[in-house]
Amino acid sequence: MKKIFYFIIVSATIFSSCSEKLDLLPISSATTETFYKSTNDFVQGVNAIYADLRSYPDRQLNLSETRSDNLYAVSDGGVRDWEGINSFHKTIAGNPYVAEAWLTNYNGIYRANVVLDQIEKNGSVVTDATLKKRLEAEAKFLRAFYYFDLVRWYGKVPVISSPVSVSEATNVPRSSVTEVYNLIISDLQFAAENLSETYAVADKGRATKYSAKGLQALVHMTRSGPTYSVEGPGLGLNEWEQALTLLNSIIDSKKFSFLPAYSSIFSYTNENNAEVIFDIQFITGSSPVLGSTFAWLLVPDTWFQSLGKAVQGGLTIRPVAESLISSFETGDVRKTFSIQTGHVFNGVTEPRSFFKKYVDITKVPTNRVDWPINFITQRYTDILMLKAECILKGAPGTQAEVDAIVNQVRTRAGLTTPVSNVTLPQLMAERQKEFIAEGLRWHDLVRSGLVETLIPAWITKEDILKQIQPFQKNYIIYPIPQSEIDVKSGLYEQNSGY
C-alpha cells in the first residue's frame, strides 16, 4: 500500500510538544523559527498536522460506539477503561480515553496554529501562490476538524487560534460553544474555497474542497440539534437548509458514487474508492510504525487465536447489543459482514457477538499496531443520508427523495422490500445498521434528539447485569479531563453531572 503521509517521523522529532502543563501549546518557538525556510518545510509542517488523526478512529470506537446503544460493553472480569464510558459513570474525568481526546486534538490544533502563523510570517518562501493557499486551507480544515471533535465531546473548550506561551496558556478560559463554532465555520469556508477538488496519486488522502463542504454541512446539522439544556454541541439552530446546500454541491459534483457492494467500501484492495470523501491514511511496514489499530479494537483476542492468528490487544469482548442484532432483517448483508456471531477457542464457546467490520483475516499483520487499512470519516452514502435527514427536518425536498435514498441503501444491503414515508426515527435506525462500527452512532443520537428516549429505553431492555447507571442529559458530553482542571484552580469549571 502506497501512502503519502510519512509525517510521524517528522512530527516525532521536529514537532514535539513542549508543554508539561495545559495541553494547549504549539511546538517550541525556537524550533519553529529555524524550520520554516522552504516550500518543502511548509509541506512537512502541514503533513505533521495530519499526524494527530492517527488515533481518531480508535477514539470514535471508544467514545462513540461504546457510549451508544451499539455495544453492551459492561465488564466481564477486571476493570476496563471502556466500562465507565459504556455505563455512564460520573467519575470518568480521569479516564484515559477522555484525556486522550483532549490532548490529541489540541496537539493537532497547536500544529495547525504554528503553520498558519508561519505562513503569515514566512510564507513568501512558498512562491507558488496556489500551493500556498492550499497549504493554508489544509491547516484550517484540520484545525476545524479537531475543534469539531472537541466541541462534540466536551461542549465549551478553549479557543486558541494562534501560538501562545506557557504563561498565556494558563490564562485561556473555555470559550462558548458558539465561539468554537464560529472558528470552525470560518476555517471550513476558507478551506472549501481554496482546497483542491482532487489530487494526484502521490497526494491521495489530503483534504479536498468536498471534504470541507461535507464537514461544514455536518457542523450546521450538529449545531441545529437540540440543546438538552446543557452546553453541548447542539444550539437548537435551524440550519438544515444551509447544510443541504453543501450536501447537494457534493452530490452534484459527480466526483463520488454509490458502490454496488457494501463490502467493497471497506476492502483492503479497494481503498480510496468512489465512496470515500475523506479518510485517515495509514501505511504498513514502515519504520517507525504508521499502521492502524482500530481494525481489532473491538475484537477479542480469543477469536484471532481460534483462527491461528497472533493476539492483537483486544483482551476481552465488548459485545454487540442484542437489540441491534435483532433489528437486522433477514438477508441484510451488513450484519454478516460487520458482526461475528460467536466463536470457539480451546473448546470453550463464546456466544456473544462482536464487530469484525474492519478485519480481513488474511491481512493480519505481525505487529498489532500496523494494520494496513484506512479509516473512512466521510463517505458518499453518509452524504446522501444526511440529505434525507435535512429534508425530514424541514429543508427543501420531498418525502419521495427521502424514501428513494433509504431504499437505495437498503437494496445494496440485500433487502428487497421497499419502505415508504420514512420518518426520522426510521432513518436513524437505518443509519445505525449502515454505519455500524464507524463511530457515528452516538453523534447521530445526540444530533437527532433521540438520545433522551432511545438510550433510557435501551438500558431498561439491554442491561441484564444491572451495571449501567441511569442516563442523564449531562452525559451527552464528557467531563473535562481532571488533569486539565488540576493545572490551575478555577480556570475550568467541570461539566455538570461529573
Protein backbone atom coordinates (compact mmCIF):
# COMPACT_ATOMS: atom_id res chain seq x y z
CA MET A 1 0.00 0.00 0.00
CA LYS A 2 1.45 3.33 -1.00
CA LYS A 3 0.53 6.23 1.28
CA ILE A 4 1.52 9.84 1.26
CA PHE A 5 1.90 10.84 4.88
CA TYR A 6 5.28 9.81 6.25
CA PHE A 7 4.74 12.64 8.70
CA ILE A 8 5.03 10.98 12.07
CA ILE A 9 8.78 10.66 11.51
CA VAL A 10 8.89 14.43 11.19
CA SER A 11 6.46 15.13 13.99
CA ALA A 12 8.28 12.88 16.43
CA THR A 13 11.47 14.88 16.01
CA ILE A 14 10.73 18.42 14.87
CA PHE A 15 7.14 18.83 16.02
CA SER A 16 7.14 17.51 19.59
CA SER A 17 5.04 19.47 22.11
CA CYS A 18 6.89 21.41 24.76
CA SER A 19 4.05 21.63 27.28
CA GLU A 20 4.11 19.96 30.66
CA LYS A 21 1.11 21.95 31.83
CA LEU A 22 -2.05 22.77 29.94
CA ASP A 23 -2.29 20.84 26.69
CA LEU A 24 -2.86 23.99 24.65
CA LEU A 25 0.63 24.78 23.41
CA PRO A 26 2.24 24.59 19.97
CA ILE A 27 5.76 23.43 19.17
CA SER A 28 8.57 25.47 20.63
CA SER A 29 9.02 28.88 19.06
CA ALA A 30 12.77 28.41 18.75
CA THR A 31 12.35 25.28 16.62
CA THR A 32 9.66 26.95 14.56
CA GLU A 33 11.74 29.98 13.65
CA THR A 34 14.56 27.83 12.30
CA PHE A 35 12.44 25.29 10.46
CA TYR A 36 10.19 27.13 8.01
CA LYS A 37 12.68 28.17 5.35
CA SER A 38 11.40 26.49 2.16
CA THR A 39 8.30 25.27 0.39
CA ASN A 40 9.07 21.71 1.45
CA ASP A 41 9.28 22.82 5.09
CA PHE A 42 5.72 24.12 4.88
CA VAL A 43 4.54 20.92 3.20
CA GLN A 44 6.14 18.90 6.03
CA GLY A 45 4.57 21.24 8.57
CA VAL A 46 1.11 20.61 7.14
CA ASN A 47 1.78 16.88 6.95
CA ALA A 48 2.56 16.94 10.67
CA ILE A 49 -0.93 18.30 11.38
CA TYR A 50 -2.38 15.18 9.77
CA ALA A 51 -0.33 13.07 12.22
CA ASP A 52 -2.77 13.62 15.05
CA LEU A 53 -5.53 11.96 13.04
CA ARG A 54 -3.89 8.63 13.73
CA SER A 55 -5.81 7.95 16.95
CA TYR A 56 -9.12 9.39 15.68
CA PRO A 57 -10.59 6.00 14.62
CA ASP A 58 -9.85 4.43 18.00
CA ARG A 59 -11.41 7.44 19.72
CA GLN A 60 -14.66 7.11 17.80
CA LEU A 61 -14.89 3.43 18.71
CA ASN A 62 -14.08 4.09 22.37
CA LEU A 63 -16.18 7.21 22.93
CA SER A 64 -18.99 6.97 20.36
CA GLU A 65 -19.61 3.29 19.63
CA THR A 66 -19.03 2.24 23.23
CA ARG A 67 -21.18 5.06 24.63
CA SER A 68 -24.06 4.25 22.29
CA ASP A 69 -26.67 1.54 22.07
CA ASN A 70 -24.49 -0.39 19.62
CA LEU A 71 -22.48 -2.12 22.36
CA TYR A 72 -23.33 -3.59 25.74
CA ALA A 73 -19.79 -3.20 26.98
CA VAL A 74 -20.08 -3.99 30.68
CA SER A 75 -17.18 -5.68 32.44
CA ASP A 76 -16.84 -9.45 32.31
CA GLY A 77 -13.92 -9.51 34.71
CA GLY A 78 -11.45 -6.85 35.80
CA VAL A 79 -11.73 -3.12 35.40
CA ARG A 80 -11.70 -1.91 31.80
CA ASP A 81 -11.24 1.69 30.73
CA TRP A 82 -14.25 1.44 28.45
CA GLU A 83 -16.63 0.26 31.16
CA GLY A 84 -17.20 3.72 32.67
CA ILE A 85 -17.80 5.09 29.17
CA ASN A 86 -20.43 2.46 28.41
CA SER A 87 -22.12 2.57 31.80
CA PHE A 88 -22.43 6.37 32.24
CA HIS A 89 -20.22 6.56 35.29
CA LYS A 90 -19.94 10.09 36.66
CA THR A 91 -16.36 9.52 37.83
CA ILE A 92 -14.66 9.33 34.42
CA ALA A 93 -12.84 12.68 34.43
CA GLY A 94 -9.62 10.70 34.90
CA ASN A 95 -10.45 8.14 32.21
CA PRO A 96 -7.58 7.78 29.70
CA TYR A 97 -9.96 7.80 26.72
CA VAL A 98 -11.43 11.11 27.88
CA ALA A 99 -7.97 12.58 28.40
CA GLU A 100 -6.68 11.34 25.03
CA ALA A 101 -9.40 13.11 23.09
CA TRP A 102 -8.46 16.44 24.65
CA LEU A 103 -4.70 16.03 24.36
CA THR A 104 -4.52 14.72 20.81
CA ASN A 105 -6.98 17.20 19.35
CA TYR A 106 -5.10 20.10 20.91
CA ASN A 107 -1.81 18.70 19.63
CA GLY A 108 -3.27 18.92 16.13
CA ILE A 109 -4.55 22.43 16.81
CA TYR A 110 -1.07 23.51 18.01
CA ARG A 111 0.49 22.33 14.82
CA ALA A 112 -2.15 23.98 12.67
CA ASN A 113 -1.73 27.27 14.52
CA VAL A 114 2.03 27.18 14.08
CA VAL A 115 1.76 26.54 10.33
CA LEU A 116 -0.78 29.33 9.92
CA ASP A 117 1.39 31.69 11.96
CA GLN A 118 4.44 30.84 9.89
CA ILE A 119 2.55 31.26 6.61
CA GLU A 120 1.79 34.79 7.73
CA LYS A 121 5.38 35.46 8.82
CA ASN A 122 7.49 33.45 6.38
CA GLY A 123 5.04 32.36 3.69
CA SER A 124 6.84 34.33 0.99
CA VAL A 125 9.26 31.41 0.62
CA VAL A 126 6.36 29.47 -0.94
CA THR A 127 6.46 31.08 -4.36
CA ASP A 128 3.58 29.03 -5.81
CA ALA A 129 0.58 31.13 -4.73
CA THR A 130 -1.91 28.33 -5.38
CA LEU A 131 0.08 25.87 -3.29
CA LYS A 132 0.45 28.42 -0.51
CA LYS A 133 -3.33 28.91 -0.37
CA ARG A 134 -3.87 25.16 -0.41
CA LEU A 135 -1.48 24.61 2.48
CA GLU A 136 -3.23 27.32 4.47
CA ALA A 137 -6.58 25.73 3.62
CA GLU A 138 -5.39 22.28 4.70
CA ALA A 139 -4.22 23.70 8.04
CA LYS A 140 -7.57 25.41 8.57
CA PHE A 141 -9.54 22.32 7.57
CA LEU A 142 -7.63 20.21 10.06
CA ARG A 143 -7.93 22.82 12.81
CA ALA A 144 -11.69 22.83 12.23
CA PHE A 145 -11.74 19.02 12.21
CA TYR A 146 -10.02 18.88 15.61
CA TYR A 147 -12.19 21.61 17.13
CA PHE A 148 -15.36 19.91 15.90
CA ASP A 149 -14.26 16.71 17.59
CA LEU A 150 -13.62 18.66 20.79
CA VAL A 151 -16.93 20.52 20.84
CA ARG A 152 -18.88 17.31 20.30
CA TRP A 153 -17.14 15.61 23.23
CA TYR A 154 -16.83 18.46 25.73
CA GLY A 155 -19.04 21.38 24.66
CA LYS A 156 -17.20 24.54 25.70
CA VAL A 157 -13.44 24.39 25.11
CA PRO A 158 -10.64 26.98 24.95
CA VAL A 159 -10.37 28.59 21.53
CA ILE A 160 -6.72 29.00 20.58
CA SER A 161 -6.24 30.39 17.07
CA SER A 162 -2.58 31.44 17.30
CA PRO A 163 0.56 30.24 19.11
CA VAL A 164 0.62 31.10 22.81
CA SER A 165 3.27 30.97 25.52
CA VAL A 166 3.14 28.72 28.57
CA SER A 167 2.04 31.58 30.82
CA GLU A 168 -0.58 32.70 28.30
CA ALA A 169 -2.00 29.18 28.06
CA THR A 170 -2.71 29.08 31.78
CA ASN A 171 -4.99 32.10 31.38
CA VAL A 172 -7.11 30.90 28.46
CA PRO A 173 -10.62 30.02 29.68
CA ARG A 174 -13.15 27.84 27.91
CA SER A 175 -14.99 29.66 25.14
CA SER A 176 -18.71 29.35 24.49
CA VAL A 177 -19.89 26.68 22.09
CA THR A 178 -20.97 29.47 19.72
CA GLU A 179 -17.44 30.89 19.65
CA VAL A 180 -15.97 27.48 18.94
CA TYR A 181 -18.37 27.01 16.03
CA ASN A 182 -17.58 30.47 14.67
CA LEU A 183 -13.93 29.49 14.25
CA ILE A 184 -14.84 26.08 12.82
CA ILE A 185 -17.18 27.51 10.18
CA SER A 186 -14.78 30.31 9.23
CA ASP A 187 -11.98 27.78 8.76
CA LEU A 188 -14.15 25.42 6.72
CA GLN A 189 -15.42 28.18 4.45
CA PHE A 190 -11.84 29.18 3.67
CA ALA A 191 -10.92 25.53 3.14
CA ALA A 192 -13.82 24.89 0.76
CA GLU A 193 -12.81 27.88 -1.32
CA ASN A 194 -9.11 27.06 -1.54
CA LEU A 195 -8.63 23.29 -1.33
CA SER A 196 -8.15 21.22 -4.45
CA GLU A 197 -11.01 19.15 -5.87
CA THR A 198 -8.76 16.16 -6.49
CA TYR A 199 -5.11 15.19 -6.09
CA ALA A 200 -2.56 13.14 -7.96
CA VAL A 201 -1.92 9.64 -6.61
CA ALA A 202 1.07 10.83 -4.55
CA ASP A 203 -1.19 13.20 -2.59
CA LYS A 204 -4.23 10.97 -2.16
CA GLY A 205 -5.69 11.39 1.29
CA ARG A 206 -5.33 15.14 1.59
CA ALA A 207 -8.45 17.12 2.37
CA THR A 208 -10.38 18.35 -0.66
CA LYS A 209 -12.94 21.09 -1.05
CA TYR A 210 -15.60 18.38 -0.82
CA SER A 211 -14.15 17.18 2.49
CA ALA A 212 -14.55 20.74 3.78
CA LYS A 213 -18.09 21.06 2.46
CA GLY A 214 -19.13 17.72 3.93
CA LEU A 215 -17.72 18.61 7.32
CA GLN A 216 -19.30 22.06 7.24
CA ALA A 217 -22.68 20.52 6.41
CA LEU A 218 -22.36 18.21 9.43
CA VAL A 219 -21.36 21.18 11.60
CA HIS A 220 -24.52 23.07 10.59
CA MET A 221 -26.62 19.98 11.30
CA THR A 222 -24.97 19.29 14.65
CA ARG A 223 -25.43 22.79 15.98
CA SER A 224 -29.02 22.70 14.76
CA GLY A 225 -29.66 19.80 17.11
CA PRO A 226 -31.39 20.28 20.48
CA THR A 227 -29.57 21.86 23.40
CA TYR A 228 -30.89 19.43 26.04
CA SER A 229 -30.35 22.36 28.43
CA VAL A 230 -26.61 21.56 28.56
CA GLU A 231 -23.75 23.46 26.98
CA GLY A 232 -23.09 20.75 24.45
CA PRO A 233 -22.81 20.62 20.65
CA GLY A 234 -26.49 21.40 19.94
CA LEU A 235 -27.60 25.02 19.80
CA GLY A 236 -31.15 24.50 18.55
CA LEU A 237 -30.47 26.41 15.34
CA ASN A 238 -32.35 25.84 12.12
CA GLU A 239 -29.53 25.46 9.62
CA TRP A 240 -30.78 22.39 7.82
CA GLU A 241 -31.12 24.29 4.53
CA GLN A 242 -27.54 25.58 4.73
CA ALA A 243 -26.39 22.02 5.29
CA LEU A 244 -28.49 20.72 2.41
CA THR A 245 -26.97 23.24 0.01
CA LEU A 246 -23.50 21.98 0.87
CA LEU A 247 -24.52 18.32 0.62
CA ASN A 248 -26.14 18.90 -2.77
CA SER A 249 -22.98 20.55 -4.06
CA ILE A 250 -21.08 17.36 -3.24
CA ILE A 251 -23.71 15.18 -4.89
CA ASP A 252 -23.96 17.42 -7.95
CA SER A 253 -20.18 17.41 -8.43
CA LYS A 254 -20.40 13.79 -9.67
CA LYS A 255 -16.97 13.20 -8.10
CA PHE A 256 -18.29 10.38 -5.91
CA SER A 257 -20.65 7.47 -6.36
CA PHE A 258 -22.61 4.80 -4.53
CA LEU A 259 -20.73 1.50 -4.71
CA PRO A 260 -22.90 -1.51 -5.62
CA ALA A 261 -21.38 -3.84 -2.99
CA TYR A 262 -21.27 -2.92 0.70
CA SER A 263 -18.14 -4.94 1.43
CA SER A 264 -16.17 -3.24 -1.35
CA ILE A 265 -16.33 0.08 0.53
CA PHE A 266 -14.06 -1.36 3.23
CA SER A 267 -11.91 -3.67 1.13
CA TYR A 268 -8.17 -3.59 1.76
CA THR A 269 -7.66 -3.75 -2.01
CA ASN A 270 -10.15 -1.01 -2.85
CA GLU A 271 -9.03 1.93 -0.73
CA ASN A 272 -9.62 5.47 -1.97
CA ASN A 273 -12.69 4.19 -3.78
CA ALA A 274 -15.55 6.26 -5.18
CA GLU A 275 -17.39 6.30 -1.82
CA VAL A 276 -14.52 7.98 0.02
CA ILE A 277 -14.75 11.73 0.57
CA PHE A 278 -12.21 11.87 3.38
CA ASP A 279 -10.31 9.13 5.14
CA ILE A 280 -7.39 8.76 7.50
CA GLN A 281 -4.48 7.20 5.69
CA PHE A 282 -2.26 4.53 7.19
CA ILE A 283 0.84 2.81 5.88
CA THR A 284 2.07 -0.61 6.90
CA GLY A 285 5.60 -1.94 7.15
CA SER A 286 7.29 1.41 7.77
CA SER A 287 9.73 2.45 10.48
CA PRO A 288 8.52 3.98 12.72
CA VAL A 289 5.23 2.10 12.55
CA LEU A 290 2.46 4.07 10.81
CA GLY A 291 -0.26 1.44 10.61
CA SER A 292 -3.63 1.43 12.33
CA THR A 293 -5.04 -0.31 15.39
CA PHE A 294 -8.78 0.32 15.03
CA ALA A 295 -9.41 -2.84 12.99
CA TRP A 296 -9.06 -5.11 16.04
CA LEU A 297 -10.06 -2.67 18.79
CA LEU A 298 -13.49 -4.24 19.39
CA VAL A 299 -12.38 -7.81 18.59
CA PRO A 300 -11.45 -10.25 21.40
CA ASP A 301 -8.07 -11.96 21.20
CA THR A 302 -9.64 -15.40 21.53
CA TRP A 303 -11.15 -15.05 18.04
CA PHE A 304 -7.77 -14.33 16.46
CA GLN A 305 -6.30 -17.26 18.39
CA SER A 306 -9.11 -19.56 17.27
CA LEU A 307 -8.08 -18.81 13.70
CA GLY A 308 -4.39 -19.36 14.35
CA LYS A 309 -3.51 -15.68 14.41
CA ALA A 310 -1.47 -13.76 16.96
CA VAL A 311 -3.25 -11.86 19.72
CA GLN A 312 -3.80 -8.21 18.89
CA GLY A 313 -4.73 -6.47 22.13
CA GLY A 314 -8.49 -6.89 22.36
CA LEU A 315 -8.09 -8.75 25.64
CA THR A 316 -11.77 -9.32 26.15
CA ILE A 317 -15.05 -8.78 24.37
CA ARG A 318 -17.23 -5.70 24.00
CA PRO A 319 -20.42 -7.43 22.91
CA VAL A 320 -22.72 -6.07 20.24
CA ALA A 321 -26.06 -5.12 21.80
CA GLU A 322 -28.68 -7.82 21.34
CA SER A 323 -31.25 -5.20 20.38
CA LEU A 324 -29.06 -4.14 17.47
CA ILE A 325 -28.52 -7.72 16.31
CA SER A 326 -32.23 -8.44 16.37
CA SER A 327 -33.02 -5.26 14.42
CA PHE A 328 -31.45 -6.60 11.22
CA GLU A 329 -33.87 -8.03 8.69
CA THR A 330 -33.26 -11.45 7.17
CA GLY A 331 -30.75 -11.24 4.34
CA ASP A 332 -29.14 -7.96 5.40
CA VAL A 333 -25.52 -8.32 4.23
CA ARG A 334 -24.39 -5.57 6.59
CA LYS A 335 -24.98 -7.86 9.56
CA THR A 336 -22.92 -10.78 8.29
CA PHE A 337 -20.15 -8.50 7.04
CA SER A 338 -19.86 -6.42 10.20
CA ILE A 339 -20.68 -8.79 13.06
CA GLN A 340 -19.11 -12.07 14.16
CA THR A 341 -21.71 -14.15 15.96
CA GLY A 342 -19.93 -16.39 18.44
CA HIS A 343 -16.74 -18.43 18.20
CA VAL A 344 -14.98 -21.34 19.90
CA PHE A 345 -11.48 -21.26 21.40
CA ASN A 346 -9.81 -24.16 23.23
CA GLY A 347 -13.14 -25.93 23.40
CA VAL A 348 -14.86 -23.00 25.08
CA THR A 349 -17.78 -21.41 23.25
CA GLU A 350 -18.13 -17.64 23.33
CA PRO A 351 -21.75 -16.97 22.32
CA ARG A 352 -21.57 -13.19 22.36
CA SER A 353 -21.15 -11.19 19.16
CA PHE A 354 -18.61 -8.51 18.31
CA PHE A 355 -17.74 -6.15 15.47
CA LYS A 356 -15.33 -7.53 12.87
CA LYS A 357 -16.10 -4.96 10.18
CA TYR A 358 -12.55 -3.83 9.53
CA VAL A 359 -10.81 -7.19 9.87
CA ASP A 360 -9.55 -9.03 6.79
CA ILE A 361 -8.30 -12.20 8.41
CA THR A 362 -5.85 -12.74 5.53
CA LYS A 363 -4.22 -9.36 6.26
CA VAL A 364 -3.47 -9.73 9.98
CA PRO A 365 -0.06 -8.09 10.50
CA THR A 366 2.74 -9.41 12.65
CA ASN A 367 2.69 -6.11 14.58
CA ARG A 368 -0.72 -5.42 16.14
CA VAL A 369 -0.31 -1.65 15.70
CA ASP A 370 0.44 -1.93 12.00
CA TRP A 371 -2.83 -2.85 10.29
CA PRO A 372 -2.91 -1.85 6.58
CA ILE A 373 -6.37 -0.30 6.35
CA ASN A 374 -7.59 3.29 6.17
CA PHE A 375 -10.44 4.71 8.25
CA ILE A 376 -13.20 6.48 6.32
CA THR A 377 -14.56 9.54 8.13
CA GLN A 378 -16.80 10.78 5.29
CA ARG A 379 -18.37 8.61 2.62
CA TYR A 380 -20.90 9.23 -0.11
CA THR A 381 -23.67 7.14 1.46
CA ASP A 382 -23.45 9.34 4.55
CA ILE A 383 -23.83 12.46 2.39
CA LEU A 384 -26.99 11.00 0.85
CA MET A 385 -28.49 10.01 4.19
CA LEU A 386 -27.60 13.36 5.75
CA LYS A 387 -29.51 14.93 2.88
CA ALA A 388 -32.53 12.81 3.76
CA GLU A 389 -32.21 13.94 7.37
CA CYS A 390 -32.14 17.62 6.37
CA ILE A 391 -35.31 17.17 4.32
CA LEU A 392 -37.07 15.48 7.22
CA LYS A 393 -36.00 18.41 9.39
CA GLY A 394 -37.67 20.90 7.03
CA ALA A 395 -35.09 21.71 4.35
CA PRO A 396 -36.40 21.85 0.75
CA GLY A 397 -37.14 18.41 -0.63
CA THR A 398 -39.79 15.73 -0.79
CA GLN A 399 -40.70 12.57 1.06
CA ALA A 400 -40.13 10.73 -2.21
CA GLU A 401 -36.48 11.85 -2.18
CA VAL A 402 -36.04 10.61 1.38
CA ASP A 403 -37.63 7.25 0.58
CA ALA A 404 -35.52 6.86 -2.57
CA ILE A 405 -32.28 7.40 -0.64
CA VAL A 406 -33.22 4.93 2.08
CA ASN A 407 -34.36 2.32 -0.43
CA GLN A 408 -31.12 2.69 -2.39
CA VAL A 409 -29.19 1.92 0.78
CA ARG A 410 -31.47 -1.00 1.67
CA THR A 411 -31.26 -2.52 -1.79
CA ARG A 412 -27.47 -2.63 -1.62
CA ALA A 413 -27.84 -4.29 1.79
CA GLY A 414 -29.78 -7.11 0.11
CA LEU A 415 -33.24 -6.03 1.26
CA THR A 416 -35.86 -6.30 -1.47
CA THR A 417 -38.88 -4.86 0.35
CA PRO A 418 -39.05 -1.10 -0.22
CA VAL A 419 -40.13 1.28 2.52
CA SER A 420 -42.19 4.46 2.24
CA ASN A 421 -42.98 7.52 4.32
CA VAL A 422 -39.70 7.14 6.17
CA THR A 423 -39.65 9.06 9.46
CA LEU A 424 -36.65 10.47 11.33
CA PRO A 425 -36.53 7.56 13.81
CA GLN A 426 -36.69 5.11 10.89
CA LEU A 427 -33.90 6.95 9.10
CA MET A 428 -31.75 6.85 12.22
CA ALA A 429 -32.45 3.13 12.62
CA GLU A 430 -31.26 2.61 9.05
CA ARG A 431 -28.18 4.73 9.71
CA GLN A 432 -27.42 2.60 12.77
CA LYS A 433 -27.15 -0.50 10.61
CA GLU A 434 -25.44 1.18 7.64
CA PHE A 435 -22.71 2.89 9.70
CA ILE A 436 -22.32 0.18 12.30
CA ALA A 437 -18.85 0.38 13.95
CA GLU A 438 -17.96 3.57 12.06
CA GLY A 439 -18.14 5.77 15.15
CA LEU A 440 -21.23 7.76 14.13
CA ARG A 441 -23.96 6.35 16.35
CA TRP A 442 -23.58 8.49 19.49
CA HIS A 443 -23.31 11.66 17.41
CA ASP A 444 -26.41 10.63 15.43
CA LEU A 445 -28.40 10.07 18.61
CA VAL A 446 -27.42 13.44 20.05
CA ARG A 447 -27.95 15.43 16.84
CA SER A 448 -31.33 13.86 16.09
CA GLY A 449 -32.76 14.45 19.55
CA LEU A 450 -33.43 10.74 20.03
CA VAL A 451 -30.82 10.12 22.70
CA GLU A 452 -33.19 11.13 25.54
CA THR A 453 -35.74 8.45 24.65
CA LEU A 454 -33.74 5.69 22.98
CA ILE A 455 -30.91 5.35 25.50
CA PRO A 456 -33.07 5.06 28.65
CA ALA A 457 -35.31 2.54 26.87
CA TRP A 458 -32.26 0.64 25.66
CA ILE A 459 -30.77 0.48 29.17
CA THR A 460 -34.01 -0.93 30.55
CA LYS A 461 -34.09 -3.61 27.87
CA GLU A 462 -30.41 -4.44 27.48
CA ASP A 463 -28.81 -4.07 30.92
CA ILE A 464 -29.36 -7.60 32.20
CA LEU A 465 -26.37 -7.28 34.58
CA LYS A 466 -27.71 -4.02 36.04
CA GLN A 467 -24.39 -2.21 35.68
CA ILE A 468 -25.36 0.84 33.64
CA GLN A 469 -26.18 4.00 35.57
CA PRO A 470 -29.41 5.90 34.80
CA PHE A 471 -28.99 8.18 31.79
CA GLN A 472 -28.86 11.93 32.41
CA LYS A 473 -28.79 14.72 29.86
CA ASN A 474 -25.48 15.86 31.30
CA TYR A 475 -23.93 12.70 29.89
CA ILE A 476 -24.46 13.94 26.33
CA ILE A 477 -20.97 15.43 26.69
CA TYR A 478 -17.95 14.14 28.57
CA PRO A 479 -16.19 15.70 31.55
CA ILE A 480 -13.20 17.97 31.12
CA PRO A 481 -10.16 15.78 31.87
CA GLN A 482 -9.22 16.10 35.51
CA SER A 483 -5.58 16.60 34.58
CA GLU A 484 -6.56 19.84 32.80
CA ILE A 485 -8.68 21.10 35.68
CA ASP A 486 -5.87 20.44 38.17
CA VAL A 487 -3.36 22.66 36.33
CA LYS A 488 -4.82 25.92 37.60
CA SER A 489 -7.58 26.20 40.13
CA GLY A 490 -10.64 28.00 38.81
CA LEU A 491 -9.56 28.17 35.17
CA TYR A 492 -12.00 25.49 34.05
CA GLU A 493 -15.30 24.56 35.64
CA GLN A 494 -16.19 20.89 35.32
CA ASN A 495 -19.15 19.99 33.13
CA SER A 496 -22.33 19.41 35.13
CA GLY A 497 -23.00 15.89 36.32
CA TYR A 498 -19.38 14.83 36.79
